[in-house]
Protein backbone atom coordinates (compact mmCIF):
# COMPACT_ATOMS: atom_id res chain seq x y z
CA UNK A 1 -2.41 -8.37 -10.46
CA UNK A 2 -2.19 -5.18 -8.45
CA UNK A 3 -0.37 -2.05 -9.49
CA UNK A 4 1.46 -1.18 -6.32
CA UNK A 5 0.87 2.62 -5.87
CA UNK A 6 0.13 2.63 -9.64
CA UNK A 7 3.13 2.01 -11.88
CA UNK A 8 5.95 3.58 -9.78
CA UNK A 9 8.63 1.86 -11.82
CA UNK A 10 7.75 4.45 -14.50
CA UNK A 11 5.97 7.40 -12.83
CA UNK A 12 6.18 8.95 -9.40
CA UNK A 13 4.00 6.79 -7.08
CA UNK A 14 0.43 7.70 -6.25
CA UNK A 15 0.05 10.16 -9.08
CA UNK A 16 -2.82 10.15 -11.57
CA UNK A 17 -0.49 9.27 -14.42
CA UNK A 18 0.95 6.38 -12.40
CA UNK A 19 -2.46 4.83 -11.81
CA UNK A 20 -3.61 5.39 -15.38
CA UNK A 21 -0.43 3.78 -16.72
CA UNK A 22 -0.91 0.82 -14.45
CA UNK A 23 -4.41 0.19 -15.89
CA UNK A 24 -3.16 0.75 -19.44
CA UNK A 25 -0.56 -1.93 -18.81
CA UNK A 26 -3.16 -4.41 -17.72
CA UNK A 27 -3.33 -4.13 -13.92
CA UNK A 28 -6.59 -5.48 -12.43
CA UNK A 29 -6.45 -3.11 -9.46
CA UNK A 30 -4.20 -0.41 -7.98
CA UNK A 31 -3.07 0.17 -4.41
CA UNK A 32 -3.34 3.66 -2.82
CA UNK A 33 -1.94 4.37 0.65
CA UNK A 34 -4.30 6.65 2.60
CA UNK A 35 -3.44 9.23 5.29
CA UNK A 36 -5.28 12.25 6.70
CA UNK A 37 -4.86 16.01 6.68
CA UNK A 38 -5.51 18.31 9.60
CA UNK A 39 -9.04 19.02 8.28
CA UNK A 40 -9.90 15.31 7.85
CA UNK A 41 -9.33 14.95 4.08
CA UNK A 42 -7.98 11.59 3.07
CA UNK A 43 -5.04 11.94 0.76
CA UNK A 44 -2.97 9.38 -1.00
CA UNK A 45 0.66 9.26 0.06
CA UNK A 46 3.08 6.46 0.92
CA UNK A 47 3.47 7.97 4.41
CA UNK A 48 2.15 10.94 6.34
CA UNK A 49 5.77 12.30 6.26
CA UNK A 50 5.95 13.81 2.75
CA UNK A 51 9.38 15.37 2.33
CA UNK A 52 10.56 12.55 0.08
CA UNK A 53 7.50 12.40 -2.15
CA UNK A 54 6.68 16.07 -2.72
CA UNK A 55 8.31 19.44 -3.37
CA UNK A 56 7.36 20.73 0.10
CA UNK A 57 10.91 21.61 1.04
CA UNK A 58 10.86 24.13 -1.79
CA UNK A 59 7.90 26.01 -0.29
CA UNK A 60 9.24 28.62 2.09
CA UNK A 61 5.80 29.36 3.40
CA UNK A 62 5.81 25.90 5.04
CA UNK A 63 9.40 25.92 6.38
CA UNK A 64 8.27 26.51 9.99
CA UNK A 65 6.16 23.29 10.00
CA UNK A 66 9.17 21.03 9.60
CA UNK A 67 9.25 18.96 12.76
CA UNK A 68 10.22 15.63 14.36
CA UNK A 69 7.69 13.04 15.36
CA UNK A 70 7.59 9.44 16.48
CA UNK A 71 5.31 7.46 14.15
CA UNK A 72 4.74 3.81 15.09
CA UNK A 73 7.98 3.78 17.03
CA UNK A 74 10.05 5.37 14.32
CA UNK A 75 11.51 8.89 14.75
CA UNK A 76 11.00 10.94 11.61
CA UNK A 77 11.84 14.51 10.70
CA UNK A 78 10.08 16.36 7.96
CA UNK A 79 6.61 17.62 7.13
CA UNK A 80 3.48 15.65 7.96
CA UNK A 81 0.05 15.62 6.25
CA UNK A 82 -1.80 16.11 9.55
CA UNK A 83 -0.15 19.48 10.05
CA UNK A 84 -1.74 20.89 6.79
CA UNK A 85 -5.21 21.60 5.51
CA UNK A 86 -6.10 20.21 2.09
CA UNK A 87 -6.05 23.71 0.59
CA UNK A 88 -2.41 23.84 1.53
CA UNK A 89 -1.42 20.32 0.41
CA UNK A 90 -3.06 20.79 -2.98
CA UNK A 91 -0.43 23.36 -3.78
CA UNK A 92 2.33 20.74 -3.66
CA UNK A 93 3.73 18.67 -6.56
CA UNK A 94 4.65 14.98 -6.44
CA UNK A 95 8.18 13.62 -6.73
CA UNK A 96 9.76 10.20 -7.23
CA UNK A 97 10.59 8.66 -3.82
CA UNK A 98 13.65 6.70 -5.11
CA UNK A 99 15.24 8.97 -7.80
CA UNK A 100 18.64 7.17 -7.65
CA UNK A 101 17.01 3.86 -8.49
CA UNK A 102 14.35 5.16 -10.82
CA UNK A 103 15.68 8.26 -12.73
CA UNK A 104 13.17 7.66 -15.52
CA UNK A 105 10.33 8.10 -13.07
CA UNK A 106 12.04 11.16 -11.51
CA UNK A 107 11.89 12.82 -14.90
CA UNK A 108 8.22 13.37 -14.26
CA UNK A 109 8.80 15.15 -10.93
CA UNK A 110 6.84 18.33 -10.15
CA UNK A 111 4.25 17.73 -12.89
CA UNK A 112 1.29 16.45 -10.86
CA UNK A 113 -0.48 17.35 -7.60
CA UNK A 114 -1.32 15.18 -4.65
CA UNK A 115 -4.55 13.11 -5.03
CA UNK A 116 -7.32 12.78 -2.53
CA UNK A 117 -9.01 9.35 -2.14
CA UNK A 118 -12.04 10.77 -3.79
CA UNK A 119 -9.95 11.72 -6.81
CA UNK A 120 -8.55 8.22 -7.10
CA UNK A 121 -11.91 6.54 -6.89
CA UNK A 122 -13.21 8.80 -9.69
CA UNK A 123 -10.12 8.01 -11.85
CA UNK A 124 -10.70 4.23 -11.39
CA UNK A 125 -14.28 4.72 -12.59
CA UNK A 126 -13.03 6.63 -15.67
CA UNK A 127 -10.39 3.91 -16.39
CA UNK A 128 -12.95 1.21 -16.06
CA UNK A 129 -15.09 2.88 -18.76
CA UNK A 130 -12.00 3.48 -20.90
CA UNK A 131 -10.70 -0.11 -20.80
CA UNK A 132 -14.09 -1.81 -20.85
CA UNK A 133 -13.62 -3.80 -17.70
CA UNK A 134 -14.34 -3.25 -14.05
CA UNK A 135 -11.09 -2.21 -12.31
CA UNK A 136 -10.52 -2.35 -8.61
CA UNK A 137 -8.72 -0.74 -5.63
CA UNK A 138 -6.76 -2.39 -2.84
CA UNK A 139 -6.81 0.41 -0.32
CA UNK A 140 -4.13 0.52 2.38
CA UNK A 141 -4.95 2.34 5.65
CA UNK A 142 -1.73 3.83 7.04
CA UNK A 143 -0.91 4.49 10.73
CA UNK A 144 -4.50 4.24 12.04
CA UNK A 145 -3.52 3.98 15.70
CA UNK A 146 -1.26 7.03 15.39
CA UNK A 147 -3.92 9.05 13.72
CA UNK A 148 -6.47 8.03 16.37
CA UNK A 149 -4.04 9.34 19.05
CA UNK A 150 -4.26 12.84 17.48
CA UNK A 151 -7.99 12.79 17.00
CA UNK A 152 -8.50 11.32 13.49
CA UNK A 153 -10.72 8.19 13.19
CA UNK A 154 -9.57 6.87 9.86
CA UNK A 155 -12.35 4.28 9.80
CA UNK A 156 -14.92 7.05 10.01
CA UNK A 157 -13.16 9.13 7.41
CA UNK A 158 -12.90 6.16 5.02
CA UNK A 159 -16.54 5.12 5.48
CA UNK A 160 -17.54 8.70 4.68
CA UNK A 161 -15.47 8.95 1.52
CA UNK A 162 -16.37 5.47 0.24
CA UNK A 163 -20.07 6.11 0.73
CA UNK A 164 -19.95 9.47 -0.99
CA UNK A 165 -18.19 7.93 -3.95
CA UNK A 166 -20.47 4.92 -4.18
CA UNK A 167 -17.83 2.39 -3.09
CA UNK A 168 -18.95 1.39 0.42
CA UNK A 169 -21.60 -1.22 -0.29
CA UNK A 170 -19.78 -3.57 -2.62
CA UNK A 171 -20.63 -1.65 -5.80
CA UNK A 172 -17.09 -2.00 -7.17
CA UNK A 173 -14.04 -4.29 -6.60
CA UNK A 174 -12.55 -3.08 -3.35
CA UNK A 175 -10.29 -4.62 -0.80
CA UNK A 176 -9.09 -2.84 2.36
CA UNK A 177 -5.80 -3.69 3.97
CA UNK A 178 -3.79 -2.55 6.93
CA UNK A 179 -0.84 -3.65 9.18
CA UNK A 180 -3.27 -3.04 12.04
CA UNK A 181 -6.34 -5.25 12.51
CA UNK A 182 -8.10 -2.72 14.74
CA UNK A 183 -8.97 -0.35 11.91
CA UNK A 184 -10.20 -3.23 9.77
CA UNK A 185 -12.64 -4.30 12.45
CA UNK A 186 -13.77 -0.72 12.87
CA UNK A 187 -14.55 -0.50 9.18
CA UNK A 188 -16.64 -3.72 9.39
CA UNK A 189 -18.66 -2.13 12.20
CA UNK A 190 -19.34 0.85 9.95
CA UNK A 191 -20.82 -1.52 7.31
CA UNK A 192 -18.14 -0.96 4.74
CA UNK A 193 -18.59 -4.00 2.41
CA UNK A 194 -15.08 -5.09 1.24
CA UNK A 195 -12.73 -8.03 1.94
CA UNK A 196 -10.44 -7.03 4.83
CA UNK A 197 -6.73 -7.97 4.40
CA UNK A 198 -4.20 -8.06 7.20
CA UNK A 199 -0.77 -6.93 6.04
CA UNK A 200 2.06 -8.99 7.56
CA UNK A 201 5.71 -7.90 7.86
CA UNK A 202 8.61 -10.37 7.93
CA UNK A 203 9.49 -9.16 11.39
CA UNK A 204 8.19 -6.95 14.21
CA UNK A 205 4.71 -6.44 15.64
CA UNK A 206 1.53 -4.51 14.65
CA UNK A 207 1.46 -0.90 15.88
CA UNK A 208 -1.94 -1.21 17.31
CA UNK A 209 -0.98 -4.14 19.47
CA UNK A 210 2.23 -2.46 20.57
CA UNK A 211 0.28 0.54 21.62
CA UNK A 212 -2.04 -1.60 23.65
CA UNK A 213 0.25 -4.34 25.01
CA UNK A 214 3.78 -2.83 24.89
CA UNK A 215 6.69 -5.25 24.86
CA UNK A 216 4.46 -8.36 25.21
CA UNK A 217 2.45 -7.49 22.09
CA UNK A 218 1.86 -10.39 19.71
CA UNK A 219 4.13 -10.32 16.64
CA UNK A 220 3.45 -10.78 13.00
CA UNK A 221 5.18 -14.18 13.28
CA UNK A 222 2.63 -15.12 15.91
CA UNK A 223 -0.13 -14.40 13.47
CA UNK A 224 1.18 -16.92 11.08
CA UNK A 225 1.33 -19.85 13.41
CA UNK A 226 -1.51 -22.35 13.22
CA UNK A 227 -3.12 -20.80 16.25
CA UNK A 228 -2.58 -17.36 14.88
CA UNK A 229 -4.13 -18.16 11.55
CA UNK A 230 -7.04 -19.74 13.30
CA UNK A 231 -7.53 -16.43 15.18
CA UNK A 232 -7.66 -14.55 11.93
CA UNK A 233 -10.60 -16.54 10.60
CA UNK A 234 -13.70 -14.31 10.85
CA UNK A 235 -11.62 -11.27 11.80
CA UNK A 236 -10.24 -10.77 8.27
CA UNK A 237 -10.65 -12.27 4.85
CA UNK A 238 -7.03 -12.62 3.90
CA UNK A 239 -3.40 -11.89 4.53
CA UNK A 240 -0.95 -9.94 2.42
CA UNK A 241 2.65 -10.94 3.21
CA UNK A 242 6.11 -9.64 2.67
CA UNK A 243 7.58 -11.73 -0.17
CA UNK A 244 10.45 -12.81 2.05
CA UNK A 245 8.04 -14.99 3.92
CA UNK A 246 7.18 -16.83 0.70
CA UNK A 247 10.76 -17.18 -0.43
CA UNK A 248 11.51 -19.21 2.71
CA UNK A 249 11.49 -23.03 2.41
CA UNK A 250 8.03 -23.12 4.15
CA UNK A 251 6.53 -20.39 1.95
CA UNK A 252 4.16 -22.73 0.05
CA UNK A 253 3.08 -24.36 3.32
CA UNK A 254 2.11 -20.96 4.68
CA UNK A 255 -0.01 -20.25 1.65
CA UNK A 256 -1.61 -23.70 1.89
CA UNK A 257 -2.30 -23.24 5.61
CA UNK A 258 -3.94 -19.92 5.09
CA UNK A 259 -6.10 -20.96 2.19
CA UNK A 260 -7.18 -24.10 4.02
CA UNK A 261 -8.76 -21.68 6.53
CA UNK A 262 -10.47 -19.76 3.80
CA UNK A 263 -8.02 -16.86 3.84
CA UNK A 264 -6.85 -15.34 0.55
CA UNK A 265 -3.13 -14.67 0.25
CA UNK A 266 -1.56 -11.62 -1.45
CA UNK A 267 2.21 -10.93 -1.61
CA UNK A 268 4.21 -7.72 -1.83
CA UNK A 269 6.14 -6.47 -3.68
CA UNK A 270 7.49 -7.85 -6.98
CA UNK A 271 10.13 -5.56 -8.39
CA UNK A 272 12.93 -6.31 -10.90
CA UNK A 273 15.76 -4.12 -9.58
CA UNK A 274 18.68 -5.70 -7.74
CA UNK A 275 18.04 -3.43 -4.74
CA UNK A 276 14.70 -5.23 -4.06
CA UNK A 277 15.59 -8.78 -4.97
CA UNK A 278 16.45 -11.57 -2.53
CA UNK A 279 20.27 -11.97 -2.59
CA UNK A 280 19.90 -15.28 -4.32
CA UNK A 281 18.45 -13.55 -7.39
CA UNK A 282 20.55 -10.38 -7.70
CA UNK A 283 22.57 -10.01 -10.88
CA UNK A 284 25.56 -8.03 -12.05
CA UNK A 285 25.50 -4.24 -12.15
CA UNK A 286 24.25 -1.77 -9.68
CA UNK A 287 21.11 -1.64 -7.41
CA UNK A 288 19.09 -0.07 -10.16
CA UNK A 289 19.87 -2.81 -12.68
CA UNK A 290 17.50 -5.72 -13.13
CA UNK A 291 18.47 -9.02 -11.65
CA UNK A 292 17.11 -12.54 -12.12
CA UNK A 293 13.68 -11.25 -11.11
CA UNK A 294 11.79 -13.79 -13.22
CA UNK A 295 13.37 -16.57 -11.17
CA UNK A 296 12.33 -14.92 -7.91
CA UNK A 297 8.81 -14.33 -9.28
CA UNK A 298 8.57 -17.98 -10.35
CA UNK A 299 9.47 -19.10 -6.78
CA UNK A 300 6.63 -16.76 -5.49
CA UNK A 301 4.17 -17.88 -8.10
CA UNK A 302 4.86 -21.51 -7.25
CA UNK A 303 3.44 -20.93 -3.75
CA UNK A 304 -0.01 -20.48 -5.16
CA UNK A 305 -0.76 -16.97 -4.05
CA UNK A 306 -4.03 -15.28 -5.03
CA UNK A 307 -2.59 -11.86 -5.91
CA UNK A 308 0.72 -10.01 -6.32
CA UNK A 309 1.70 -6.40 -6.02
CA UNK A 310 4.02 -5.09 -8.72
CA UNK A 311 5.78 -1.84 -9.45
CA UNK A 312 6.02 -2.45 -13.19
CA UNK A 313 2.64 -3.73 -14.28
CA UNK A 314 3.74 -4.54 -17.81
CA UNK A 315 6.36 -6.94 -16.49
CA UNK A 316 3.81 -8.32 -14.04
CA UNK A 317 1.26 -8.94 -16.74
CA UNK A 318 3.88 -10.62 -19.00
CA UNK A 319 5.04 -12.95 -16.17
CA UNK A 320 1.97 -13.68 -14.00
CA UNK A 321 -0.58 -13.55 -16.80
CA UNK A 322 1.04 -15.22 -19.80
């Protein structure tokens, strides 16, 4: 069971307290999202645009760096990690990304700094010693094709940081995932020893293929056909799919087809709030209220997946590890 960005149901995502709480609640691993700074430092943020997850808007010294960019086909306005050096980003504080849905988490706003990947790897080592079991990391590489277009080779930066921390040669439980297969292949060429997991959306196409092939790019749906799954064998070690794909009538068949080819299957993301549940499982109350999440999770579990991402690790442990 994987703490998705730590325990963001209770603490602002990607903070040290969020990760520590996830492990204290019984998570086997945590999932950091990795992006780069201008000076090539890998930092842990949900996106490279950070206006919604930090207090950067309250820093007048950075006001002139607010800008608009197109990231993987989406137009975004705000502040971007690649426009800052690490010495600047380390002055920021983290904030809850969804304060209306998670006011309890938002109560911890502005109390912790941004983490580097190296900080997180050290934290996991400390937590392993504290809890007496080896804990892991499921590391998501974000926007690799975009970063390559501005001169940042995320595979090289990851290999550097993983080696320096003693995580590159299979020393600790590590999985590396991305919505783009290109960066996963590049990491293999750099001798980073870790299962590679292809993240799969319920719709759309991978950004690396769109950048290369334009409107005729193969889609995520293409990757899940029998021929597409055959093509993943040897290129990756598993897939991690949007839960909507497993809640379809053929969800269990997809898992069976992938596993028959030797591919592990993860699913994201199990959350209890109505806002995140399939309409069939939403309950009374508002978007922040819990719905019939256990029924949804039971349907997901019945497909036979190998791992689940959760925002509330205590609920995940209680359900998926009775």
